[in-house]
């Protein structure tokens, strides 16, 4: 399943690129489930991001590796791939794109995921979509 969400922000793309750090990552974490950041190496190839999701009655680890990263005159992007996922996910690929549109930028979250079986993927869609929709006002506030 795929989700694509775009957010226009009022900073140039290189300034936005520089703001993609541990502080932003923490700000983007939704209220539920609470997220504990266990490791944040950055957004370059080989970097690891590891989280603990707290569902109150149980906890799940989520670890992703940055497998691609590039900066051109048109955009900056990096891709994280889930290497250790919570039980409800089988596959995770998230391409973070920051497009250069002059004095402002467009942040694009391009997510591909699947659950452990077909119907689970469809059931996960609304929750994952809302998690990324939650980011839009945060991006706008931080990069205003």
N, C-alpha and C. Protein backbone atom coordinates (compact mmCIF):
# COMPACT_ATOMS: atom_id res chain seq x y z
N UNK A 1 0.85 -1.16 0.00
CA UNK A 1 0.00 0.00 0.00
C UNK A 1 0.90 1.23 0.00
N UNK A 2 0.43 2.30 -0.64
CA UNK A 2 1.22 3.52 -0.73
C UNK A 2 0.45 4.70 -0.17
N UNK A 3 1.20 5.60 0.47
CA UNK A 3 0.67 6.87 0.97
C UNK A 3 1.64 7.96 0.52
N UNK A 4 1.09 9.04 -0.03
CA UNK A 4 1.89 10.18 -0.44
C UNK A 4 1.25 11.44 0.13
N UNK A 5 2.00 12.18 0.93
CA UNK A 5 1.50 13.42 1.52
C UNK A 5 2.54 14.51 1.29
N UNK A 6 2.08 15.66 0.81
CA UNK A 6 2.96 16.80 0.53
C UNK A 6 2.60 17.98 1.42
N UNK A 7 3.63 18.72 1.84
CA UNK A 7 3.44 19.89 2.69
C UNK A 7 4.35 21.01 2.20
N UNK A 8 3.76 22.13 1.86
CA UNK A 8 4.55 23.31 1.47
C UNK A 8 4.99 24.03 2.73
N UNK A 9 6.28 24.38 2.79
CA UNK A 9 6.83 25.11 3.94
C UNK A 9 7.56 26.36 3.44
N UNK A 10 7.73 27.32 4.34
CA UNK A 10 8.27 28.63 3.96
C UNK A 10 9.75 28.79 4.25
N UNK A 11 10.54 27.78 3.91
CA UNK A 11 11.99 27.87 3.96
C UNK A 11 12.53 27.21 2.70
N UNK A 12 13.74 27.60 2.31
CA UNK A 12 14.36 26.96 1.15
C UNK A 12 14.72 25.52 1.49
N UNK A 13 14.86 24.69 0.47
CA UNK A 13 15.01 23.25 0.69
C UNK A 13 16.28 22.86 1.44
N UNK A 14 17.35 23.61 1.28
CA UNK A 14 18.58 23.26 2.02
C UNK A 14 18.45 23.58 3.51
N UNK A 15 17.73 24.66 3.85
CA UNK A 15 17.46 24.95 5.26
C UNK A 15 16.59 23.86 5.86
N UNK A 16 15.59 23.41 5.10
CA UNK A 16 14.73 22.33 5.58
C UNK A 16 15.55 21.05 5.75
N UNK A 17 16.41 20.77 4.78
CA UNK A 17 17.28 19.59 4.88
C UNK A 17 18.05 19.62 6.19
N UNK A 18 18.63 20.76 6.51
CA UNK A 18 19.43 20.89 7.74
C UNK A 18 18.59 20.74 9.00
N UNK A 19 17.28 20.96 8.88
CA UNK A 19 16.39 20.83 10.02
C UNK A 19 15.89 19.42 10.26
N UNK A 20 16.22 18.50 9.35
CA UNK A 20 15.81 17.10 9.52
C UNK A 20 16.79 16.42 10.47
N UNK A 21 16.56 16.64 11.76
CA UNK A 21 17.47 16.13 12.77
C UNK A 21 16.69 15.43 13.88
N UNK A 22 17.38 15.08 14.94
CA UNK A 22 16.77 14.35 16.05
C UNK A 22 15.65 15.15 16.70
N UNK A 23 15.82 16.47 16.79
CA UNK A 23 14.78 17.33 17.40
C UNK A 23 13.50 17.27 16.58
N UNK A 24 13.62 17.39 15.24
CA UNK A 24 12.43 17.30 14.38
C UNK A 24 11.79 15.93 14.52
N UNK A 25 12.60 14.90 14.51
CA UNK A 25 12.07 13.54 14.61
C UNK A 25 11.22 13.39 15.87
N UNK A 26 11.70 13.93 16.98
CA UNK A 26 10.98 13.87 18.24
C UNK A 26 9.68 14.67 18.16
N UNK A 27 9.72 15.84 17.54
CA UNK A 27 8.52 16.66 17.38
C UNK A 27 7.45 15.97 16.54
N UNK A 28 7.88 15.18 15.55
CA UNK A 28 6.94 14.52 14.65
C UNK A 28 6.28 13.29 15.25
N UNK A 29 6.77 12.83 16.38
CA UNK A 29 6.19 11.63 17.01
C UNK A 29 4.76 11.93 17.46
N UNK A 30 3.82 11.08 17.09
CA UNK A 30 2.42 11.31 17.45
C UNK A 30 2.18 11.05 18.94
N UNK A 31 1.03 11.51 19.44
CA UNK A 31 0.74 11.29 20.86
C UNK A 31 0.52 9.81 21.20
N UNK A 32 0.03 9.03 20.24
CA UNK A 32 -0.14 7.59 20.49
C UNK A 32 0.26 6.81 19.26
N UNK A 33 1.03 5.79 19.43
CA UNK A 33 1.60 5.36 20.70
C UNK A 33 2.79 6.24 21.07
N UNK A 34 3.02 6.43 22.37
CA UNK A 34 4.23 7.16 22.77
C UNK A 34 5.47 6.46 22.21
N UNK A 35 6.42 7.28 21.77
CA UNK A 35 7.63 6.76 21.13
C UNK A 35 8.85 7.14 21.95
N UNK A 36 9.68 6.15 22.22
CA UNK A 36 10.98 6.40 22.86
C UNK A 36 12.04 6.22 21.79
N UNK A 37 12.82 7.26 21.56
CA UNK A 37 13.90 7.19 20.58
C UNK A 37 15.09 6.49 21.21
N UNK A 38 15.44 5.33 20.68
CA UNK A 38 16.55 4.55 21.22
C UNK A 38 17.86 4.87 20.51
N UNK A 39 17.79 5.17 19.21
CA UNK A 39 19.00 5.48 18.43
C UNK A 39 18.61 6.35 17.25
N UNK A 40 19.37 7.41 17.03
CA UNK A 40 19.17 8.28 15.87
C UNK A 40 20.54 8.68 15.35
N UNK A 41 20.97 8.02 14.26
CA UNK A 41 22.29 8.33 13.70
C UNK A 41 22.23 9.49 12.72
N UNK A 42 21.10 9.71 12.07
CA UNK A 42 20.98 10.76 11.07
C UNK A 42 20.26 10.26 9.83
N UNK A 43 20.53 10.94 8.71
CA UNK A 43 19.80 10.67 7.47
C UNK A 43 20.71 10.31 6.31
N UNK A 44 21.87 9.78 6.60
CA UNK A 44 22.81 9.38 5.56
C UNK A 44 22.83 7.86 5.42
N UNK A 45 23.27 7.39 4.27
CA UNK A 45 23.29 5.96 4.00
C UNK A 45 24.05 5.22 5.10
N UNK A 46 23.41 4.17 5.61
CA UNK A 46 24.00 3.38 6.68
C UNK A 46 23.57 3.79 8.08
N UNK A 47 22.98 4.98 8.22
CA UNK A 47 22.51 5.44 9.52
C UNK A 47 21.33 4.59 9.98
N UNK A 48 21.17 4.47 11.29
CA UNK A 48 20.10 3.68 11.90
C UNK A 48 19.22 4.60 12.75
N UNK A 49 17.92 4.35 12.68
CA UNK A 49 16.96 4.99 13.56
C UNK A 49 16.18 3.87 14.24
N UNK A 50 16.19 3.87 15.57
CA UNK A 50 15.53 2.80 16.32
C UNK A 50 14.60 3.40 17.36
N UNK A 51 13.39 2.86 17.43
CA UNK A 51 12.35 3.36 18.31
C UNK A 51 11.76 2.25 19.16
N UNK A 52 11.14 2.66 20.23
CA UNK A 52 10.31 1.75 21.01
C UNK A 52 8.91 2.36 21.05
N UNK A 53 7.92 1.63 20.54
CA UNK A 53 6.53 2.07 20.57
C UNK A 53 5.88 1.49 21.81
N UNK A 54 5.22 2.33 22.60
CA UNK A 54 4.60 1.89 23.84
C UNK A 54 3.08 1.87 23.67
N UNK A 55 2.52 0.67 23.55
CA UNK A 55 1.08 0.50 23.40
C UNK A 55 0.40 0.24 24.75
N UNK A 56 1.02 0.67 25.82
CA UNK A 56 0.55 0.57 27.20
C UNK A 56 0.60 -0.86 27.74
N UNK A 57 -0.03 -1.80 27.07
CA UNK A 57 0.01 -3.19 27.55
C UNK A 57 1.21 -3.96 27.02
N UNK A 58 1.82 -3.43 25.96
CA UNK A 58 3.00 -4.06 25.39
C UNK A 58 3.81 -3.02 24.63
N UNK A 59 5.07 -3.35 24.36
CA UNK A 59 5.97 -2.47 23.63
C UNK A 59 6.49 -3.19 22.40
N UNK A 60 6.77 -2.42 21.36
CA UNK A 60 7.30 -2.97 20.12
C UNK A 60 8.48 -2.13 19.65
N UNK A 61 9.54 -2.80 19.21
CA UNK A 61 10.70 -2.09 18.64
C UNK A 61 10.51 -1.92 17.14
N UNK A 62 11.08 -0.83 16.63
CA UNK A 62 11.04 -0.53 15.20
C UNK A 62 12.40 0.05 14.85
N UNK A 63 13.11 -0.62 13.98
CA UNK A 63 14.42 -0.14 13.54
C UNK A 63 14.43 -0.01 12.03
N UNK A 64 14.90 1.14 11.56
CA UNK A 64 15.03 1.38 10.13
C UNK A 64 16.47 1.77 9.82
N UNK A 65 16.87 1.44 8.59
CA UNK A 65 18.19 1.82 8.09
C UNK A 65 18.02 2.76 6.91
N UNK A 66 18.86 3.79 6.87
CA UNK A 66 18.86 4.70 5.73
C UNK A 66 19.64 4.01 4.61
N UNK A 67 18.95 3.76 3.49
CA UNK A 67 19.55 3.01 2.39
C UNK A 67 19.89 3.88 1.18
N UNK A 68 19.30 5.06 1.10
CA UNK A 68 19.58 5.99 0.00
C UNK A 68 19.54 7.41 0.56
N UNK A 69 20.35 8.28 -0.04
CA UNK A 69 20.37 9.69 0.34
C UNK A 69 21.08 10.46 -0.78
N UNK A 70 20.51 11.60 -1.16
CA UNK A 70 21.14 12.39 -2.22
C UNK A 70 20.64 13.83 -2.16
N UNK A 71 21.49 14.74 -2.56
CA UNK A 71 21.14 16.15 -2.68
C UNK A 71 21.49 16.61 -4.09
N UNK A 72 20.50 17.17 -4.78
CA UNK A 72 20.72 17.75 -6.10
C UNK A 72 20.21 19.19 -6.06
N UNK A 73 20.30 19.88 -7.17
CA UNK A 73 19.77 21.24 -7.24
C UNK A 73 18.24 21.26 -7.15
N UNK A 74 17.60 20.13 -7.43
CA UNK A 74 16.14 20.06 -7.42
C UNK A 74 15.54 19.54 -6.12
N UNK A 75 16.31 18.68 -5.40
CA UNK A 75 15.75 18.10 -4.18
C UNK A 75 16.81 17.45 -3.32
N UNK A 76 16.40 17.20 -2.08
CA UNK A 76 17.14 16.36 -1.16
C UNK A 76 16.20 15.23 -0.79
N UNK A 77 16.73 14.02 -0.71
CA UNK A 77 15.90 12.91 -0.27
C UNK A 77 16.73 11.89 0.50
N UNK A 78 16.02 11.13 1.32
CA UNK A 78 16.62 9.94 1.93
C UNK A 78 15.52 8.91 2.11
N UNK A 79 15.93 7.65 2.12
CA UNK A 79 14.98 6.53 2.21
C UNK A 79 15.33 5.70 3.43
N UNK A 80 14.29 5.43 4.25
CA UNK A 80 14.51 4.49 5.34
C UNK A 80 13.69 3.23 5.08
N UNK A 81 14.34 2.11 5.33
CA UNK A 81 13.75 0.78 5.14
C UNK A 81 13.67 0.11 6.51
N UNK A 82 12.51 -0.45 6.83
CA UNK A 82 12.35 -1.16 8.09
C UNK A 82 13.14 -2.45 8.09
N UNK A 83 14.04 -2.61 9.06
CA UNK A 83 14.83 -3.84 9.17
C UNK A 83 14.38 -4.70 10.36
N UNK A 84 13.76 -4.09 11.35
CA UNK A 84 13.14 -4.81 12.46
C UNK A 84 11.84 -4.07 12.76
N UNK A 85 10.73 -4.69 12.39
CA UNK A 85 9.44 -4.00 12.44
C UNK A 85 8.53 -4.57 13.52
N UNK A 86 7.56 -3.75 13.98
CA UNK A 86 6.56 -4.27 14.91
C UNK A 86 5.76 -5.40 14.24
N UNK A 87 5.13 -6.22 15.05
CA UNK A 87 4.44 -7.40 14.54
C UNK A 87 3.39 -7.09 13.47
N UNK A 88 2.84 -5.88 13.50
CA UNK A 88 1.75 -5.54 12.58
C UNK A 88 2.24 -5.04 11.22
N UNK A 89 3.56 -5.00 11.02
CA UNK A 89 4.12 -4.60 9.73
C UNK A 89 5.03 -5.70 9.18
N UNK A 90 4.90 -5.94 7.90
CA UNK A 90 5.79 -6.89 7.21
C UNK A 90 6.85 -6.15 6.40
N UNK A 91 6.47 -4.99 5.83
CA UNK A 91 7.36 -4.23 4.96
C UNK A 91 7.16 -2.74 5.22
N UNK A 92 8.29 -1.98 5.19
CA UNK A 92 8.24 -0.53 5.37
C UNK A 92 9.32 0.12 4.52
N UNK A 93 8.91 1.09 3.71
CA UNK A 93 9.84 1.92 2.94
C UNK A 93 9.29 3.34 2.96
N UNK A 94 10.10 4.29 3.42
CA UNK A 94 9.67 5.67 3.53
C UNK A 94 10.70 6.56 2.85
N UNK A 95 10.28 7.20 1.77
CA UNK A 95 11.14 8.15 1.07
C UNK A 95 10.74 9.55 1.52
N UNK A 96 11.69 10.25 2.13
CA UNK A 96 11.51 11.63 2.57
C UNK A 96 12.09 12.50 1.46
N UNK A 97 11.27 13.35 0.88
CA UNK A 97 11.75 14.23 -0.19
C UNK A 97 11.52 15.68 0.20
N UNK A 98 12.51 16.52 -0.08
CA UNK A 98 12.39 17.96 0.13
C UNK A 98 12.69 18.60 -1.22
N UNK A 99 11.64 19.11 -1.85
CA UNK A 99 11.76 19.66 -3.20
C UNK A 99 12.09 21.14 -3.16
N UNK A 100 12.99 21.56 -4.04
CA UNK A 100 13.39 22.95 -4.17
C UNK A 100 12.39 23.67 -5.07
N UNK A 101 11.64 24.59 -4.47
CA UNK A 101 10.71 25.41 -5.26
C UNK A 101 10.97 26.89 -4.96
N UNK A 102 12.24 27.27 -5.10
CA UNK A 102 12.64 28.66 -4.92
C UNK A 102 12.83 29.02 -3.46
N UNK A 103 12.07 30.03 -2.99
CA UNK A 103 12.24 30.49 -1.62
C UNK A 103 11.46 29.66 -0.60
N UNK A 104 10.80 28.63 -1.08
CA UNK A 104 10.15 27.70 -0.17
C UNK A 104 10.40 26.27 -0.66
N UNK A 105 9.89 25.32 0.09
CA UNK A 105 10.13 23.91 -0.25
C UNK A 105 8.84 23.12 -0.09
N UNK A 106 8.83 21.95 -0.67
CA UNK A 106 7.73 21.01 -0.47
C UNK A 106 8.32 19.74 0.13
N UNK A 107 7.78 19.37 1.28
CA UNK A 107 8.19 18.13 1.93
C UNK A 107 7.21 17.05 1.50
N UNK A 108 7.75 15.96 0.97
CA UNK A 108 6.90 14.85 0.54
C UNK A 108 7.27 13.60 1.32
N UNK A 109 6.27 13.01 1.93
CA UNK A 109 6.43 11.72 2.58
C UNK A 109 5.81 10.69 1.65
N UNK A 110 6.64 9.80 1.13
CA UNK A 110 6.19 8.74 0.22
C UNK A 110 6.43 7.41 0.94
N UNK A 111 5.35 6.79 1.37
CA UNK A 111 5.43 5.60 2.20
C UNK A 111 4.86 4.40 1.46
N UNK A 112 5.58 3.29 1.54
CA UNK A 112 5.09 2.00 1.05
C UNK A 112 5.17 1.04 2.22
N UNK A 113 4.08 0.33 2.48
CA UNK A 113 4.05 -0.60 3.61
C UNK A 113 3.12 -1.76 3.31
N UNK A 114 3.29 -2.81 4.09
CA UNK A 114 2.33 -3.91 4.05
C UNK A 114 2.29 -4.55 5.43
N UNK A 115 1.13 -5.09 5.73
CA UNK A 115 0.95 -5.84 6.97
C UNK A 115 1.35 -7.28 6.76
N UNK A 116 1.23 -8.09 7.79
CA UNK A 116 1.64 -9.49 7.70
C UNK A 116 0.75 -10.32 6.79
N UNK A 117 -0.46 -9.83 6.50
CA UNK A 117 -1.36 -10.48 5.56
C UNK A 117 -2.24 -9.40 4.93
N UNK A 118 -2.89 -9.74 3.81
CA UNK A 118 -3.59 -8.77 2.97
C UNK A 118 -4.53 -7.83 3.68
N UNK A 119 -5.49 -8.35 4.43
CA UNK A 119 -6.48 -7.49 5.07
C UNK A 119 -5.85 -6.57 6.11
N UNK A 120 -4.77 -7.01 6.74
CA UNK A 120 -4.09 -6.16 7.74
C UNK A 120 -3.56 -4.89 7.09
N UNK A 121 -3.08 -5.01 5.86
CA UNK A 121 -2.57 -3.82 5.16
C UNK A 121 -3.67 -2.78 5.02
N UNK A 122 -4.85 -3.20 4.63
CA UNK A 122 -5.97 -2.26 4.47
C UNK A 122 -6.42 -1.69 5.81
N UNK A 123 -6.38 -2.50 6.85
CA UNK A 123 -6.77 -2.02 8.17
C UNK A 123 -5.76 -1.02 8.74
N UNK A 124 -4.50 -1.17 8.36
CA UNK A 124 -3.45 -0.25 8.82
C UNK A 124 -3.49 1.11 8.11
N UNK A 125 -4.01 1.12 6.90
CA UNK A 125 -3.96 2.33 6.07
C UNK A 125 -4.47 3.58 6.80
N UNK A 126 -5.68 3.58 7.39
CA UNK A 126 -6.14 4.83 8.04
C UNK A 126 -5.21 5.31 9.15
N UNK A 127 -4.72 4.39 9.96
CA UNK A 127 -3.86 4.79 11.08
C UNK A 127 -2.54 5.38 10.57
N UNK A 128 -1.95 4.76 9.58
CA UNK A 128 -0.67 5.26 9.06
C UNK A 128 -0.89 6.58 8.32
N UNK A 129 -1.97 6.66 7.56
CA UNK A 129 -2.28 7.91 6.86
C UNK A 129 -2.42 9.06 7.86
N UNK A 130 -3.16 8.83 8.94
CA UNK A 130 -3.35 9.88 9.94
C UNK A 130 -2.04 10.25 10.64
N UNK A 131 -1.16 9.27 10.85
CA UNK A 131 0.14 9.56 11.47
C UNK A 131 0.94 10.55 10.61
N UNK A 132 0.84 10.41 9.30
CA UNK A 132 1.58 11.31 8.41
C UNK A 132 0.85 12.63 8.20
N UNK A 133 -0.46 12.62 8.22
CA UNK A 133 -1.23 13.85 8.15
C UNK A 133 -0.93 14.71 9.38
N UNK A 134 -0.71 14.08 10.51
CA UNK A 134 -0.37 14.75 11.76
C UNK A 134 0.90 15.61 11.61
N UNK A 135 1.78 15.23 10.70
CA UNK A 135 3.05 15.94 10.52
C UNK A 135 2.90 17.30 9.83
N UNK A 136 1.87 17.46 9.00
CA UNK A 136 1.74 18.68 8.19
C UNK A 136 1.82 19.97 9.00
N UNK A 137 1.01 20.17 10.05
CA UNK A 137 1.12 21.44 10.80
C UNK A 137 2.45 21.58 11.54
N UNK A 138 3.05 20.46 11.92
CA UNK A 138 4.34 20.52 12.60
C UNK A 138 5.42 20.99 11.61
N UNK A 139 5.42 20.42 10.42
CA UNK A 139 6.36 20.88 9.38
C UNK A 139 6.17 22.39 9.13
N UNK A 140 4.92 22.82 8.98
CA UNK A 140 4.67 24.23 8.68
C UNK A 140 5.15 25.14 9.80
N UNK A 141 4.93 24.72 11.04
CA UNK A 141 5.34 25.53 12.19
C UNK A 141 6.86 25.61 12.30
N UNK A 142 7.52 24.46 12.21
CA UNK A 142 8.97 24.44 12.38
C UNK A 142 9.69 25.12 11.24
N UNK A 143 9.17 24.98 10.03
CA UNK A 143 9.84 25.56 8.86
C UNK A 143 9.11 26.80 8.34
N UNK A 144 8.61 27.63 9.27
CA UNK A 144 7.91 28.86 8.87
C UNK A 144 8.89 30.02 8.70
